[in-house]
Amino acid sequence: ASERTFNNYAMGWFRQAPGKEREFV
């Protein structure tokens, strides 16, 4: 992340397979 206040943010990972909706990881 470019942001110096990175520790102010919750972070998440998602994924998206072809033809499918974005999925929470």
mmCIF file of all heavy atoms, coordinates in Angstrom:
data_MODEL
# 
_entry.id   MODEL 
# 
loop_
_atom_site.group_PDB 
_atom_site.id 
_atom_site.type_symbol 
_atom_site.label_atom_id 
_atom_site.label_alt_id 
_atom_site.label_comp_id 
_atom_site.label_asym_id 
_atom_site.label_entity_id 
_atom_site.label_seq_id 
_atom_site.pdbx_PDB_ins_code 
_atom_site.Cartn_x 
_atom_site.Cartn_y 
_atom_site.Cartn_z 
_atom_site.occupancy 
_atom_site.B_iso_or_equiv 
_atom_site.pdbx_formal_charge 
_atom_site.auth_seq_id 
_atom_site.auth_comp_id 
_atom_site.auth_asym_id 
_atom_site.auth_atom_id 
_atom_site.pdbx_PDB_model_num 
ATOM 1   N N   . ALA A 1 1  ? 0.833   -1.205  0.000   1.00 0.00 ? 1  ALA A N   1 
ATOM 2   C CA  . ALA A 1 1  ? 0.000   0.000   0.000   1.00 0.00 ? 1  ALA A CA  1 
ATOM 3   C C   . ALA A 1 1  ? 0.862   1.248   0.000   1.00 0.00 ? 1  ALA A C   1 
ATOM 4   O O   . ALA A 1 1  ? 1.932   1.273   0.613   1.00 0.00 ? 1  ALA A O   1 
ATOM 5   C CB  . ALA A 1 1  ? -0.910  0.005   1.212   1.00 0.00 ? 1  ALA A CB  1 
ATOM 6   N N   . SER A 1 2  ? 0.384   2.268   -0.674  1.00 0.00 ? 2  SER A N   1 
ATOM 7   C CA  . SER A 1 2  ? 1.130   3.511   -0.771  1.00 0.00 ? 2  SER A CA  1 
ATOM 8   C C   . SER A 1 2  ? 0.901   4.425   0.416   1.00 0.00 ? 2  SER A C   1 
ATOM 9   O O   . SER A 1 2  ? 1.665   5.355   0.642   1.00 0.00 ? 2  SER A O   1 
ATOM 10  C CB  . SER A 1 2  ? 0.717   4.256   -2.042  1.00 0.00 ? 2  SER A CB  1 
ATOM 11  O OG  . SER A 1 2  ? -0.658  4.613   -1.980  1.00 0.00 ? 2  SER A OG  1 
ATOM 12  N N   . GLU A 1 3  ? -0.134  4.165   1.173   1.00 0.00 ? 3  GLU A N   1 
ATOM 13  C CA  . GLU A 1 3  ? -0.582  5.071   2.206   1.00 0.00 ? 3  GLU A CA  1 
ATOM 14  C C   . GLU A 1 3  ? 0.247   4.929   3.480   1.00 0.00 ? 3  GLU A C   1 
ATOM 15  O O   . GLU A 1 3  ? 0.394   3.833   4.013   1.00 0.00 ? 3  GLU A O   1 
ATOM 16  C CB  . GLU A 1 3  ? -2.057  4.804   2.519   1.00 0.00 ? 3  GLU A CB  1 
ATOM 17  C CG  . GLU A 1 3  ? -2.654  5.661   3.596   1.00 0.00 ? 3  GLU A CG  1 
ATOM 18  C CD  . GLU A 1 3  ? -2.584  7.144   3.267   1.00 0.00 ? 3  GLU A CD  1 
ATOM 19  O OE1 . GLU A 1 3  ? -2.932  7.541   2.142   1.00 0.00 ? 3  GLU A OE1 1 
ATOM 20  O OE2 . GLU A 1 3  ? -2.175  7.916   4.157   1.00 0.00 ? 3  GLU A OE2 1 
ATOM 21  N N   . ARG A 1 4  ? 0.739   6.078   3.988   1.00 0.00 ? 4  ARG A N   1 
ATOM 22  C CA  . ARG A 1 4  ? 1.534   6.031   5.219   1.00 0.00 ? 4  ARG A CA  1 
ATOM 23  C C   . ARG A 1 4  ? 0.684   5.678   6.431   1.00 0.00 ? 4  ARG A C   1 
ATOM 24  O O   . ARG A 1 4  ? 1.191   5.197   7.428   1.00 0.00 ? 4  ARG A O   1 
ATOM 25  C CB  . ARG A 1 4  ? 2.217   7.377   5.443   1.00 0.00 ? 4  ARG A CB  1 
ATOM 26  C CG  . ARG A 1 4  ? 3.387   7.643   4.505   1.00 0.00 ? 4  ARG A CG  1 
ATOM 27  C CD  . ARG A 1 4  ? 3.984   8.991   4.775   1.00 0.00 ? 4  ARG A CD  1 
ATOM 28  N NE  . ARG A 1 4  ? 3.048   10.068  4.464   1.00 0.00 ? 4  ARG A NE  1 
ATOM 29  C CZ  . ARG A 1 4  ? 3.290   11.346  4.707   1.00 0.00 ? 4  ARG A CZ  1 
ATOM 30  N NH1 . ARG A 1 4  ? 4.411   11.707  5.291   1.00 0.00 ? 4  ARG A NH1 1 
ATOM 31  N NH2 . ARG A 1 4  ? 2.406   12.263  4.392   1.00 0.00 ? 4  ARG A NH2 1 
ATOM 32  N N   . THR A 1 5  ? -0.628  5.946   6.316   1.00 0.00 ? 5  THR A N   1 
ATOM 33  C CA  . THR A 1 5  ? -1.523  5.594   7.425   1.00 0.00 ? 5  THR A CA  1 
ATOM 34  C C   . THR A 1 5  ? -2.171  4.238   7.165   1.00 0.00 ? 5  THR A C   1 
ATOM 35  O O   . THR A 1 5  ? -3.333  4.022   7.485   1.00 0.00 ? 5  THR A O   1 
ATOM 36  C CB  . THR A 1 5  ? -2.600  6.673   7.599   1.00 0.00 ? 5  THR A CB  1 
ATOM 37  O OG1 . THR A 1 5  ? -3.315  6.838   6.365   1.00 0.00 ? 5  THR A OG1 1 
ATOM 38  C CG2 . THR A 1 5  ? -1.975  7.986   8.010   1.00 0.00 ? 5  THR A CG2 1 
ATOM 39  N N   . PHE A 1 6  ? -1.419  3.361   6.566   1.00 0.00 ? 6  PHE A N   1 
ATOM 40  C CA  . PHE A 1 6  ? -1.880  2.004   6.239   1.00 0.00 ? 6  PHE A CA  1 
ATOM 41  C C   . PHE A 1 6  ? -2.515  1.328   7.435   1.00 0.00 ? 6  PHE A C   1 
ATOM 42  O O   . PHE A 1 6  ? -3.505  0.611   7.294   1.00 0.00 ? 6  PHE A O   1 
ATOM 43  C CB  . PHE A 1 6  ? -0.681  1.193   5.736   1.00 0.00 ? 6  PHE A CB  1 
ATOM 44  C CG  . PHE A 1 6  ? -0.955  -0.261  5.522   1.00 0.00 ? 6  PHE A CG  1 
ATOM 45  C CD1 . PHE A 1 6  ? -1.718  -0.689  4.449   1.00 0.00 ? 6  PHE A CD1 1 
ATOM 46  C CD2 . PHE A 1 6  ? -0.432  -1.227  6.379   1.00 0.00 ? 6  PHE A CD2 1 
ATOM 47  C CE1 . PHE A 1 6  ? -1.961  -2.042  4.225   1.00 0.00 ? 6  PHE A CE1 1 
ATOM 48  C CE2 . PHE A 1 6  ? -0.665  -2.564  6.178   1.00 0.00 ? 6  PHE A CE2 1 
ATOM 49  C CZ  . PHE A 1 6  ? -1.420  -2.985  5.100   1.00 0.00 ? 6  PHE A CZ  1 
ATOM 50  N N   . ASN A 1 7  ? -1.980  1.572   8.634   1.00 0.00 ? 7  ASN A N   1 
ATOM 51  C CA  . ASN A 1 7  ? -2.501  0.883   9.808   1.00 0.00 ? 7  ASN A CA  1 
ATOM 52  C C   . ASN A 1 7  ? -3.859  1.426   10.252  1.00 0.00 ? 7  ASN A C   1 
ATOM 53  O O   . ASN A 1 7  ? -4.402  0.969   11.251  1.00 0.00 ? 7  ASN A O   1 
ATOM 54  C CB  . ASN A 1 7  ? -1.496  0.915   10.960  1.00 0.00 ? 7  ASN A CB  1 
ATOM 55  C CG  . ASN A 1 7  ? -1.148  2.329   11.375  1.00 0.00 ? 7  ASN A CG  1 
ATOM 56  O OD1 . ASN A 1 7  ? -1.605  3.288   10.783  1.00 0.00 ? 7  ASN A OD1 1 
ATOM 57  N ND2 . ASN A 1 7  ? -0.351  2.467   12.406  1.00 0.00 ? 7  ASN A ND2 1 
ATOM 58  N N   . ASN A 1 8  ? -4.409  2.382   9.520   1.00 0.00 ? 8  ASN A N   1 
ATOM 59  C CA  . ASN A 1 8  ? -5.764  2.853   9.797   1.00 0.00 ? 8  ASN A CA  1 
ATOM 60  C C   . ASN A 1 8  ? -6.820  2.060   9.041   1.00 0.00 ? 8  ASN A C   1 
ATOM 61  O O   . ASN A 1 8  ? -8.019  2.303   9.220   1.00 0.00 ? 8  ASN A O   1 
ATOM 62  C CB  . ASN A 1 8  ? -5.911  4.329   9.401   1.00 0.00 ? 8  ASN A CB  1 
ATOM 63  C CG  . ASN A 1 8  ? -5.168  5.248   10.356  1.00 0.00 ? 8  ASN A CG  1 
ATOM 64  O OD1 . ASN A 1 8  ? -4.769  4.842   11.444  1.00 0.00 ? 8  ASN A OD1 1 
ATOM 65  N ND2 . ASN A 1 8  ? -4.968  6.478   9.947   1.00 0.00 ? 8  ASN A ND2 1 
ATOM 66  N N   . TYR A 1 9  ? -6.371  1.142   8.189   1.00 0.00 ? 9  TYR A N   1 
ATOM 67  C CA  . TYR A 1 9  ? -7.286  0.445   7.300   1.00 0.00 ? 9  TYR A CA  1 
ATOM 68  C C   . TYR A 1 9  ? -7.380  -1.033  7.649   1.00 0.00 ? 9  TYR A C   1 
ATOM 69  O O   . TYR A 1 9  ? -6.362  -1.693  7.869   1.00 0.00 ? 9  TYR A O   1 
ATOM 70  C CB  . TYR A 1 9  ? -6.828  0.568   5.850   1.00 0.00 ? 9  TYR A CB  1 
ATOM 71  C CG  . TYR A 1 9  ? -6.891  1.974   5.299   1.00 0.00 ? 9  TYR A CG  1 
ATOM 72  C CD1 . TYR A 1 9  ? -5.855  2.870   5.515   1.00 0.00 ? 9  TYR A CD1 1 
ATOM 73  C CD2 . TYR A 1 9  ? -7.993  2.398   4.574   1.00 0.00 ? 9  TYR A CD2 1 
ATOM 74  C CE1 . TYR A 1 9  ? -5.914  4.161   5.027   1.00 0.00 ? 9  TYR A CE1 1 
ATOM 75  C CE2 . TYR A 1 9  ? -8.063  3.689   4.076   1.00 0.00 ? 9  TYR A CE2 1 
ATOM 76  C CZ  . TYR A 1 9  ? -7.022  4.566   4.305   1.00 0.00 ? 9  TYR A CZ  1 
ATOM 77  O OH  . TYR A 1 9  ? -7.091  5.838   3.819   1.00 0.00 ? 9  TYR A OH  1 
ATOM 78  N N   . ALA A 1 10 ? -8.603  -1.533  7.652   1.00 0.00 ? 10 ALA A N   1 
ATOM 79  C CA  . ALA A 1 10 ? -8.796  -2.974  7.611   1.00 0.00 ? 10 ALA A CA  1 
ATOM 80  C C   . ALA A 1 10 ? -8.499  -3.415  6.183   1.00 0.00 ? 10 ALA A C   1 
ATOM 81  O O   . ALA A 1 10 ? -8.778  -2.683  5.232   1.00 0.00 ? 10 ALA A O   1 
ATOM 82  C CB  . ALA A 1 10 ? -10.219 -3.347  7.994   1.00 0.00 ? 10 ALA A CB  1 
ATOM 83  N N   . MET A 1 11 ? -7.941  -4.590  6.040   1.00 0.00 ? 11 MET A N   1 
ATOM 84  C CA  . MET A 1 11 ? -7.562  -5.080  4.716   1.00 0.00 ? 11 MET A CA  1 
ATOM 85  C C   . MET A 1 11 ? -8.275  -6.384  4.406   1.00 0.00 ? 11 MET A C   1 
ATOM 86  O O   . MET A 1 11 ? -8.552  -7.181  5.313   1.00 0.00 ? 11 MET A O   1 
ATOM 87  C CB  . MET A 1 11 ? -6.050  -5.290  4.643   1.00 0.00 ? 11 MET A CB  1 
ATOM 88  C CG  . MET A 1 11 ? -5.221  -4.036  4.880   1.00 0.00 ? 11 MET A CG  1 
ATOM 89  S SD  . MET A 1 11 ? -5.528  -2.766  3.634   1.00 0.00 ? 11 MET A SD  1 
ATOM 90  C CE  . MET A 1 11 ? -4.880  -3.580  2.162   1.00 0.00 ? 11 MET A CE  1 
ATOM 91  N N   . GLY A 1 12 ? -8.535  -6.592  3.143   1.00 0.00 ? 12 GLY A N   1 
ATOM 92  C CA  . GLY A 1 12 ? -9.203  -7.817  2.743   1.00 0.00 ? 12 GLY A CA  1 
ATOM 93  C C   . GLY A 1 12 ? -8.645  -8.367  1.451   1.00 0.00 ? 12 GLY A C   1 
ATOM 94  O O   . GLY A 1 12 ? -7.989  -7.645  0.684   1.00 0.00 ? 12 GLY A O   1 
ATOM 95  N N   . TRP A 1 13 ? -8.872  -9.644  1.251   1.00 0.00 ? 13 TRP A N   1 
ATOM 96  C CA  . TRP A 1 13 ? -8.559  -10.307 -0.017  1.00 0.00 ? 13 TRP A CA  1 
ATOM 97  C C   . TRP A 1 13 ? -9.861  -10.889 -0.569  1.00 0.00 ? 13 TRP A C   1 
ATOM 98  O O   . TRP A 1 13 ? -10.645 -11.498 0.168   1.00 0.00 ? 13 TRP A O   1 
ATOM 99  C CB  . TRP A 1 13 ? -7.550  -11.446 0.176   1.00 0.00 ? 13 TRP A CB  1 
ATOM 100 C CG  . TRP A 1 13 ? -6.141  -11.008 0.398   1.00 0.00 ? 13 TRP A CG  1 
ATOM 101 C CD1 . TRP A 1 13 ? -5.511  -10.843 1.596   1.00 0.00 ? 13 TRP A CD1 1 
ATOM 102 C CD2 . TRP A 1 13 ? -5.161  -10.704 -0.602  1.00 0.00 ? 13 TRP A CD2 1 
ATOM 103 N NE1 . TRP A 1 13 ? -4.216  -10.444 1.401   1.00 0.00 ? 13 TRP A NE1 1 
ATOM 104 C CE2 . TRP A 1 13 ? -3.972  -10.352 0.059   1.00 0.00 ? 13 TRP A CE2 1 
ATOM 105 C CE3 . TRP A 1 13 ? -5.184  -10.683 -1.995  1.00 0.00 ? 13 TRP A CE3 1 
ATOM 106 C CZ2 . TRP A 1 13 ? -2.808  -9.994  -0.625  1.00 0.00 ? 13 TRP A CZ2 1 
ATOM 107 C CZ3 . TRP A 1 13 ? -4.025  -10.327 -2.684  1.00 0.00 ? 13 TRP A CZ3 1 
ATOM 108 C CH2 . TRP A 1 13 ? -2.852  -9.987  -1.997  1.00 0.00 ? 13 TRP A CH2 1 
ATOM 109 N N   . PHE A 1 14 ? -10.044 -10.682 -1.847  1.00 0.00 ? 14 PHE A N   1 
ATOM 110 C CA  . PHE A 1 14 ? -11.164 -11.256 -2.575  1.00 0.00 ? 14 PHE A CA  1 
ATOM 111 C C   . PHE A 1 14 ? -10.607 -11.945 -3.817  1.00 0.00 ? 14 PHE A C   1 
ATOM 112 O O   . PHE A 1 14 ? -9.459  -11.713 -4.205  1.00 0.00 ? 14 PHE A O   1 
ATOM 113 C CB  . PHE A 1 14 ? -12.153 -10.147 -3.000  1.00 0.00 ? 14 PHE A CB  1 
ATOM 114 C CG  . PHE A 1 14 ? -12.914 -9.548  -1.853  1.00 0.00 ? 14 PHE A CG  1 
ATOM 115 C CD1 . PHE A 1 14 ? -12.311 -8.628  -1.002  1.00 0.00 ? 14 PHE A CD1 1 
ATOM 116 C CD2 . PHE A 1 14 ? -14.231 -9.894  -1.615  1.00 0.00 ? 14 PHE A CD2 1 
ATOM 117 C CE1 . PHE A 1 14 ? -13.000 -8.076  0.065   1.00 0.00 ? 14 PHE A CE1 1 
ATOM 118 C CE2 . PHE A 1 14 ? -14.940 -9.339  -0.553  1.00 0.00 ? 14 PHE A CE2 1 
ATOM 119 C CZ  . PHE A 1 14 ? -14.317 -8.437  0.281   1.00 0.00 ? 14 PHE A CZ  1 
ATOM 120 N N   . ARG A 1 15 ? -11.425 -12.760 -4.428  1.00 0.00 ? 15 ARG A N   1 
ATOM 121 C CA  . ARG A 1 15 ? -11.001 -13.391 -5.669  1.00 0.00 ? 15 ARG A CA  1 
ATOM 122 C C   . ARG A 1 15 ? -12.178 -13.485 -6.620  1.00 0.00 ? 15 ARG A C   1 
ATOM 123 O O   . ARG A 1 15 ? -13.330 -13.501 -6.199  1.00 0.00 ? 15 ARG A O   1 
ATOM 124 C CB  . ARG A 1 15 ? -10.410 -14.782 -5.404  1.00 0.00 ? 15 ARG A CB  1 
ATOM 125 C CG  . ARG A 1 15 ? -11.405 -15.812 -4.891  1.00 0.00 ? 15 ARG A CG  1 
ATOM 126 C CD  . ARG A 1 15 ? -10.684 -17.106 -4.535  1.00 0.00 ? 15 ARG A CD  1 
ATOM 127 N NE  . ARG A 1 15 ? -11.615 -18.143 -4.086  1.00 0.00 ? 15 ARG A NE  1 
ATOM 128 C CZ  . ARG A 1 15 ? -11.235 -19.347 -3.651  1.00 0.00 ? 15 ARG A CZ  1 
ATOM 129 N NH1 . ARG A 1 15 ? -9.947  -19.655 -3.611  1.00 0.00 ? 15 ARG A NH1 1 
ATOM 130 N NH2 . ARG A 1 15 ? -12.140 -20.225 -3.275  1.00 0.00 ? 15 ARG A NH2 1 
ATOM 131 N N   . GLN A 1 16 ? -11.842 -13.558 -7.900  1.00 0.00 ? 16 GLN A N   1 
ATOM 132 C CA  . GLN A 1 16 ? -12.880 -13.670 -8.917  1.00 0.00 ? 16 GLN A CA  1 
ATOM 133 C C   . GLN A 1 16 ? -12.414 -14.612 -10.013 1.00 0.00 ? 16 GLN A C   1 
ATOM 134 O O   . GLN A 1 16 ? -11.386 -14.356 -10.658 1.00 0.00 ? 16 GLN A O   1 
ATOM 135 C CB  . GLN A 1 16 ? -13.226 -12.300 -9.503  1.00 0.00 ? 16 GLN A CB  1 
ATOM 136 C CG  . GLN A 1 16 ? -14.440 -12.330 -10.406 1.00 0.00 ? 16 GLN A CG  1 
ATOM 137 C CD  . GLN A 1 16 ? -15.004 -10.952 -10.670 1.00 0.00 ? 16 GLN A CD  1 
ATOM 138 O OE1 . GLN A 1 16 ? -14.335 -9.942  -10.477 1.00 0.00 ? 16 GLN A OE1 1 
ATOM 139 N NE2 . GLN A 1 16 ? -16.255 -10.891 -11.088 1.00 0.00 ? 16 GLN A NE2 1 
ATOM 140 N N   . ALA A 1 17 ? -13.167 -15.679 -10.180 1.00 0.00 ? 17 ALA A N   1 
ATOM 141 C CA  . ALA A 1 17 ? -12.898 -16.641 -11.244 1.00 0.00 ? 17 ALA A CA  1 
ATOM 142 C C   . ALA A 1 17 ? -13.714 -16.255 -12.481 1.00 0.00 ? 17 ALA A C   1 
ATOM 143 O O   . ALA A 1 17 ? -14.731 -15.572 -12.360 1.00 0.00 ? 17 ALA A O   1 
ATOM 144 C CB  . ALA A 1 17 ? -13.258 -18.040 -10.774 1.00 0.00 ? 17 ALA A CB  1 
ATOM 145 N N   . PRO A 1 18 ? -13.296 -16.697 -13.646 1.00 0.00 ? 18 PRO A N   1 
ATOM 146 C CA  . PRO A 1 18 ? -14.027 -16.354 -14.875 1.00 0.00 ? 18 PRO A CA  1 
ATOM 147 C C   . PRO A 1 18 ? -15.485 -16.774 -14.794 1.00 0.00 ? 18 PRO A C   1 
ATOM 148 O O   . PRO A 1 18 ? -15.800 -17.905 -14.424 1.00 0.00 ? 18 PRO A O   1 
ATOM 149 C CB  . PRO A 1 18 ? -13.277 -17.144 -15.950 1.00 0.00 ? 18 PRO A CB  1 
ATOM 150 C CG  . PRO A 1 18 ? -11.907 -17.315 -15.414 1.00 0.00 ? 18 PRO A CG  1 
ATOM 151 C CD  . PRO A 1 18 ? -12.075 -17.468 -13.929 1.00 0.00 ? 18 PRO A CD  1 
ATOM 152 N N   . GLY A 1 19 ? -16.362 -15.844 -15.109 1.00 0.00 ? 19 GLY A N   1 
ATOM 153 C CA  . GLY A 1 19 ? -17.783 -16.138 -15.121 1.00 0.00 ? 19 GLY A CA  1 
ATOM 154 C C   . GLY A 1 19 ? -18.440 -16.203 -13.758 1.00 0.00 ? 19 GLY A C   1 
ATOM 155 O O   . GLY A 1 19 ? -19.623 -16.543 -13.656 1.00 0.00 ? 19 GLY A O   1 
ATOM 156 N N   . LYS A 1 20 ? -17.682 -15.879 -12.713 1.00 0.00 ? 20 LYS A N   1 
ATOM 157 C CA  . LYS A 1 20 ? -18.236 -15.937 -11.359 1.00 0.00 ? 20 LYS A CA  1 
ATOM 158 C C   . LYS A 1 20 ? -18.163 -14.576 -10.694 1.00 0.00 ? 20 LYS A C   1 
ATOM 159 O O   . LYS A 1 20 ? -17.409 -13.706 -11.109 1.00 0.00 ? 20 LYS A O   1 
ATOM 160 C CB  . LYS A 1 20 ? -17.485 -16.976 -10.525 1.00 0.00 ? 20 LYS A CB  1 
ATOM 161 C CG  . LYS A 1 20 ? -17.663 -18.401 -11.015 1.00 0.00 ? 20 LYS A CG  1 
ATOM 162 C CD  . LYS A 1 20 ? -17.051 -19.387 -10.049 1.00 0.00 ? 20 LYS A CD  1 
ATOM 163 C CE  . LYS A 1 20 ? -17.292 -20.817 -10.490 1.00 0.00 ? 20 LYS A CE  1 
ATOM 164 N NZ  . LYS A 1 20 ? -16.720 -21.802 -9.527  1.00 0.00 ? 20 LYS A NZ  1 
ATOM 165 N N   . GLU A 1 21 ? -18.957 -14.424 -9.640  1.00 0.00 ? 21 GLU A N   1 
ATOM 166 C CA  . GLU A 1 21 ? -18.937 -13.188 -8.884  1.00 0.00 ? 21 GLU A CA  1 
ATOM 167 C C   . GLU A 1 21 ? -17.700 -13.116 -7.999  1.00 0.00 ? 21 GLU A C   1 
ATOM 168 O O   . GLU A 1 21 ? -17.088 -14.140 -7.668  1.00 0.00 ? 21 GLU A O   1 
ATOM 169 C CB  . GLU A 1 21 ? -20.191 -13.079 -8.024  1.00 0.00 ? 21 GLU A CB  1 
ATOM 170 C CG  . GLU A 1 21 ? -21.465 -12.936 -8.826  1.00 0.00 ? 21 GLU A CG  1 
ATOM 171 C CD  . GLU A 1 21 ? -22.672 -12.671 -7.946  1.00 0.00 ? 21 GLU A CD  1 
ATOM 172 O OE1 . GLU A 1 21 ? -22.537 -12.722 -6.707  1.00 0.00 ? 21 GLU A OE1 1 
ATOM 173 O OE2 . GLU A 1 21 ? -23.756 -12.411 -8.503  1.00 0.00 ? 21 GLU A OE2 1 
ATOM 174 N N   . ARG A 1 22 ? -17.351 -11.895 -7.612  1.00 0.00 ? 22 ARG A N   1 
ATOM 175 C CA  . ARG A 1 22 ? -16.227 -11.724 -6.701  1.00 0.00 ? 22 ARG A CA  1 
ATOM 176 C C   . ARG A 1 22 ? -16.562 -12.373 -5.359  1.00 0.00 ? 22 ARG A C   1 
ATOM 177 O O   . ARG A 1 22 ? -17.647 -12.184 -4.819  1.00 0.00 ? 22 ARG A O   1 
ATOM 178 C CB  . ARG A 1 22 ? -15.915 -10.241 -6.537  1.00 0.00 ? 22 ARG A CB  1 
ATOM 179 C CG  . ARG A 1 22 ? -14.614 -9.953  -5.842  1.00 0.00 ? 22 ARG A CG  1 
ATOM 180 C CD  . ARG A 1 22 ? -14.180 -8.518  -6.049  1.00 0.00 ? 22 ARG A CD  1 
ATOM 181 N NE  . ARG A 1 22 ? -13.851 -8.252  -7.452  1.00 0.00 ? 22 ARG A NE  1 
ATOM 182 C CZ  . ARG A 1 22 ? -13.237 -7.154  -7.872  1.00 0.00 ? 22 ARG A CZ  1 
ATOM 183 N NH1 . ARG A 1 22 ? -12.895 -6.216  -7.000  1.00 0.00 ? 22 ARG A NH1 1 
ATOM 184 N NH2 . ARG A 1 22 ? -12.978 -6.970  -9.146  1.00 0.00 ? 22 ARG A NH2 1 
ATOM 185 N N   . GLU A 1 23 ? -15.591 -13.110 -4.831  1.00 0.00 ? 23 GLU A N   1 
ATOM 186 C CA  . GLU A 1 23 ? -15.794 -13.905 -3.617  1.00 0.00 ? 23 GLU A CA  1 
ATOM 187 C C   . GLU A 1 23 ? -14.884 -13.439 -2.500  1.00 0.00 ? 23 GLU A C   1 
ATOM 188 O O   . GLU A 1 23 ? -13.689 -13.202 -2.706  1.00 0.00 ? 23 GLU A O   1 
ATOM 189 C CB  . GLU A 1 23 ? -15.499 -15.387 -3.928  1.00 0.00 ? 23 GLU A CB  1 
ATOM 190 C CG  . GLU A 1 23 ? -15.580 -16.310 -2.746  1.00 0.00 ? 23 GLU A CG  1 
ATOM 191 C CD  . GLU A 1 23 ? -15.063 -17.715 -3.053  1.00 0.00 ? 23 GLU A CD  1 
ATOM 192 O OE1 . GLU A 1 23 ? -14.400 -17.887 -4.090  1.00 0.00 ? 23 GLU A OE1 1 
ATOM 193 O OE2 . GLU A 1 23 ? -15.305 -18.627 -2.251  1.00 0.00 ? 23 GLU A OE2 1 
ATOM 194 N N   . PHE A 1 24 ? -15.447 -13.322 -1.316  1.00 0.00 ? 24 PHE A N   1 
ATOM 195 C CA  . PHE A 1 24 ? -14.653 -12.968 -0.140  1.00 0.00 ? 24 PHE A CA  1 
ATOM 196 C C   . PHE A 1 24 ? -13.698 -14.100 0.214   1.00 0.00 ? 24 PHE A C   1 
ATOM 197 O O   . PHE A 1 24 ? -14.099 -15.278 0.265   1.00 0.00 ? 24 PHE A O   1 
ATOM 198 C CB  . PHE A 1 24 ? -15.567 -12.669 1.039   1.00 0.00 ? 24 PHE A CB  1 
ATOM 199 C CG  . PHE A 1 24 ? -14.855 -12.603 2.353   1.00 0.00 ? 24 PHE A CG  1 
ATOM 200 C CD1 . PHE A 1 24 ? -14.027 -11.526 2.651   1.00 0.00 ? 24 PHE A CD1 1 
ATOM 201 C CD2 . PHE A 1 24 ? -14.991 -13.622 3.288   1.00 0.00 ? 24 PHE A CD2 1 
ATOM 202 C CE1 . PHE A 1 24 ? -13.362 -11.459 3.860   1.00 0.00 ? 24 PHE A CE1 1 
ATOM 203 C CE2 . PHE A 1 24 ? -14.332 -13.563 4.501   1.00 0.00 ? 24 PHE A CE2 1 
ATOM 204 C CZ  . PHE A 1 24 ? -13.513 -12.488 4.786   1.00 0.00 ? 24 PHE A CZ  1 
ATOM 205 N N   . VAL A 1 25 ? -12.451 -13.738 0.501   1.00 0.00 ? 25 VAL A N   1 
ATOM 206 C CA  . VAL A 1 25 ? -11.443 -14.726 0.890   1.00 0.00 ? 25 VAL A CA  1 
ATOM 207 C C   . VAL A 1 25 ? -11.048 -14.552 2.357   1.00 0.00 ? 25 VAL A C   1 
ATOM 208 O O   . VAL A 1 25 ? -11.126 -15.494 3.145   1.00 0.00 ? 25 VAL A O   1 
ATOM 209 C CB  . VAL A 1 25 ? -10.198 -14.626 -0.006  1.00 0.00 ? 25 VAL A CB  1 
ATOM 210 C CG1 . VAL A 1 25 ? -9.094  -15.545 0.491   1.00 0.00 ? 25 VAL A CG1 1 
ATOM 211 C CG2 . VAL A 1 25 ? -10.549 -14.950 -1.454  1.00 0.00 ? 25 VAL A CG2 1 
# 
